[in-house]
Amino acid sequence: MAIKEATDNFSEDLEVGGGEFGKVYKGVLRDGTRVTAKRFCQSLQREEEFRTEIGMLSHLRHRHLISLVGYCDEQNEMIIVYEFMKKRPLKNHLYGSSLPSLSWKKRLEICIGSAKGLHYLHTGSSKAIIHRDVKSGNVLLDQNSMAKLADFGALRTGPEIDQSREYGRKG
């Protein structure tokens, strides 16, 4: 499998994060593309999150959402491959890390980018999409510190866009 090769068989040296879902690794594909691979633990809840994330990311495209490169769902492996985010999660720049601090201007740009990503989720298709896990650990920064929302396993679709506007008027 190409992702096993790209991550040197999921080497601990290439591990860049993790949580209750599993571990995240950086890697390089044969063509030189830098990627991040999220390897899920086996469980029914994780399988649902895995399928939700792939389903959503295969249909969503926005400059402030992480891009899906591919996925693996074979031989008891559930892995999602994303574009590589060089500057890691926003959380690492805000709390007790050795990463450089962000200027207030850059922080504002990150807030605006995150808001644009959320706005796209809420209004970019016929049904509103609700992220349900927005936090600094799920706002990733690319090489230019542009914010991209990640972790779409808890997404839910909301009402039709026209219905949500109608609810807002009655409230």
Protein backbone atom coordinates (compact mmCIF):
# COMPACT_ATOMS: atom_id res chain seq x y z
CA MET A 1 0.00 0.00 0.00
CA ALA A 2 1.38 3.40 -1.07
CA ILE A 3 0.55 5.14 2.22
CA LYS A 4 2.49 2.54 4.21
CA GLU A 5 5.50 3.29 2.05
CA ALA A 6 4.95 7.06 2.31
CA THR A 7 4.90 6.91 6.13
CA ASP A 8 7.77 4.41 6.42
CA ASN A 9 5.34 1.77 7.70
CA PHE A 10 3.72 4.26 10.10
CA SER A 11 7.01 5.09 11.77
CA GLU A 12 6.82 6.76 15.19
CA ASP A 13 9.38 9.27 13.85
CA LEU A 14 6.75 10.49 11.37
CA GLU A 15 3.88 10.67 13.88
CA VAL A 16 2.57 14.24 14.13
CA GLY A 17 -0.51 13.83 16.28
CA GLY A 18 -3.34 11.68 17.42
CA GLY A 19 -6.29 11.28 19.67
CA GLU A 20 -9.06 8.88 20.52
CA PHE A 21 -9.63 8.19 16.77
CA GLY A 22 -6.06 6.94 16.21
CA LYS A 23 -2.76 8.47 15.04
CA VAL A 24 -1.70 10.99 12.38
CA TYR A 25 1.49 10.65 10.33
CA LYS A 26 3.27 12.82 7.80
CA GLY A 27 4.58 11.21 4.65
CA VAL A 28 5.76 11.66 1.08
CA LEU A 29 4.15 9.85 -1.84
CA ARG A 30 6.27 8.44 -4.69
CA ASP A 31 5.54 11.49 -6.84
CA GLY A 32 6.95 13.77 -4.11
CA THR A 33 3.59 14.98 -2.79
CA ARG A 34 3.72 15.66 0.95
CA VAL A 35 0.68 14.29 2.77
CA THR A 36 -0.77 13.63 6.18
CA ALA A 37 -2.35 10.25 6.94
CA LYS A 38 -4.97 9.78 9.66
CA ARG A 39 -5.01 6.12 10.72
CA PHE A 40 -8.21 5.17 12.53
CA CYS A 41 -8.55 2.65 15.37
CA GLN A 42 -11.00 -0.14 14.65
CA SER A 43 -14.43 0.43 16.24
CA LEU A 44 -17.99 0.95 15.05
CA GLN A 45 -17.96 4.62 16.08
CA ARG A 46 -14.64 5.24 14.29
CA GLU A 47 -15.94 3.47 11.19
CA GLU A 48 -18.94 5.81 11.11
CA GLU A 49 -16.68 8.88 11.55
CA PHE A 50 -14.34 7.54 8.82
CA ARG A 51 -17.22 7.12 6.36
CA THR A 52 -18.74 10.50 7.24
CA GLU A 53 -15.42 12.27 6.73
CA ILE A 54 -14.73 10.63 3.37
CA GLY A 55 -18.28 11.24 2.18
CA MET A 56 -18.17 14.91 3.09
CA LEU A 57 -14.63 15.63 1.90
CA SER A 58 -15.26 13.97 -1.46
CA HIS A 59 -17.97 16.54 -2.17
CA LEU A 60 -16.63 19.67 -0.46
CA ARG A 61 -14.04 21.99 -2.00
CA HIS A 62 -13.04 25.29 -0.46
CA ARG A 63 -9.72 27.02 0.13
CA HIS A 64 -10.40 27.03 3.89
CA LEU A 65 -11.20 23.32 4.17
CA ILE A 66 -8.52 20.61 4.28
CA SER A 67 -8.32 18.72 0.96
CA LEU A 68 -8.79 14.99 0.63
CA VAL A 69 -5.96 13.29 -1.29
CA GLY A 70 -7.27 9.74 -0.92
CA TYR A 71 -8.18 7.00 1.51
CA CYS A 72 -7.68 3.32 2.28
CA ASP A 73 -10.41 1.00 3.51
CA GLU A 74 -8.97 -2.48 3.11
CA GLN A 75 -7.19 -5.21 5.08
CA ASN A 76 -8.69 -3.92 8.36
CA GLU A 77 -7.17 -0.47 7.76
CA MET A 78 -9.09 2.82 7.70
CA ILE A 79 -6.81 5.65 6.63
CA ILE A 80 -7.62 9.10 5.26
CA VAL A 81 -4.90 10.95 3.36
CA TYR A 82 -4.99 14.76 3.34
CA GLU A 83 -2.89 17.55 1.98
CA PHE A 84 0.11 18.26 4.23
CA MET A 85 -0.29 21.25 6.54
CA LYS A 86 3.23 22.45 7.26
CA LYS A 87 2.45 24.78 10.18
CA ARG A 88 0.28 22.21 12.00
CA PRO A 89 -2.78 23.01 14.17
CA LEU A 90 -3.49 26.53 15.39
CA LYS A 91 -3.57 25.10 18.91
CA ASN A 92 0.20 24.48 18.76
CA HIS A 93 0.83 28.18 18.09
CA LEU A 94 -1.40 29.33 20.94
CA TYR A 95 -0.66 27.02 23.86
CA GLY A 96 2.69 25.99 25.36
CA SER A 97 4.55 25.00 22.23
CA SER A 98 7.99 25.84 20.90
CA LEU A 99 6.40 27.12 17.69
CA PRO A 100 6.65 30.86 17.08
CA SER A 101 3.88 33.07 18.34
CA LEU A 102 1.44 34.53 15.82
CA SER A 103 1.02 38.26 15.31
CA TRP A 104 -2.40 39.74 16.00
CA LYS A 105 -2.79 40.43 12.27
CA LYS A 106 -2.09 36.77 11.44
CA ARG A 107 -4.50 35.64 14.18
CA LEU A 108 -7.23 37.82 12.65
CA GLU A 109 -6.52 36.38 9.17
CA ILE A 110 -6.81 32.87 10.64
CA CYS A 111 -10.13 33.76 12.32
CA ILE A 112 -11.48 35.19 9.07
CA GLY A 113 -10.32 32.14 7.09
CA SER A 114 -11.92 29.78 9.60
CA ALA A 115 -15.15 31.79 9.45
CA LYS A 116 -15.14 31.59 5.64
CA GLY A 117 -14.72 27.81 5.84
CA LEU A 118 -17.62 27.54 8.29
CA HIS A 119 -19.76 29.85 6.16
CA TYR A 120 -19.13 27.60 3.17
CA LEU A 121 -20.18 24.55 5.20
CA HIS A 122 -23.37 26.31 6.31
CA THR A 123 -24.34 27.75 2.91
CA GLY A 124 -22.33 25.98 0.17
CA SER A 125 -24.83 23.24 -0.61
CA SER A 126 -28.58 22.69 -0.51
CA LYS A 127 -28.39 21.43 3.09
CA ALA A 128 -26.47 23.24 5.78
CA ILE A 129 -23.51 21.27 7.14
CA ILE A 130 -22.75 21.61 10.84
CA HIS A 131 -19.13 20.91 11.87
CA ARG A 132 -19.79 20.13 15.59
CA ASP A 133 -16.11 20.10 16.62
CA VAL A 134 -14.67 23.53 15.86
CA LYS A 135 -11.63 24.13 18.05
CA SER A 136 -8.05 25.35 17.65
CA GLY A 137 -6.84 21.75 17.21
CA ASN A 138 -9.06 21.38 14.13
CA VAL A 139 -7.90 24.59 12.46
CA LEU A 140 -4.78 23.67 10.51
CA LEU A 141 -2.26 26.08 9.00
CA ASP A 142 -0.56 25.61 5.65
CA GLN A 143 2.92 26.88 4.73
CA ASN A 144 1.50 30.43 4.45
CA SER A 145 -0.43 30.15 7.74
CA MET A 146 -3.72 30.05 5.84
CA ALA A 147 -6.40 28.43 8.01
CA LYS A 148 -8.10 25.24 6.88
CA LEU A 149 -10.79 23.46 8.87
CA ALA A 150 -10.23 19.74 9.47
CA ASP A 151 -11.74 16.74 11.25
CA PHE A 152 -15.09 16.21 9.57
CA GLY A 153 -16.03 12.96 11.31
CA ALA A 154 -18.66 14.64 13.49
CA LEU A 155 -20.32 16.64 10.67
CA ARG A 156 -24.08 16.57 10.42
CA THR A 157 -26.35 17.94 7.77
CA GLY A 158 -28.88 20.48 8.92
CA PRO A 159 -32.13 21.69 7.40
CA GLU A 160 -32.49 22.81 3.81
CA ILE A 161 -30.92 26.25 3.43
CA ASP A 162 -34.28 27.89 2.63
CA GLN A 163 -35.85 26.26 5.71
CA SER A 164 -33.07 27.52 8.01
CA ARG A 165 -33.60 31.07 6.74
CA GLU A 166 -37.32 30.70 7.38
CA TYR A 167 -36.67 29.54 10.96
CA GLY A 168 -34.48 32.57 11.51
CA ARG A 169 -37.32 34.93 10.55
CA LYS A 170 -39.87 33.38 12.89
CA GLY A 171 -37.62 33.27 15.98
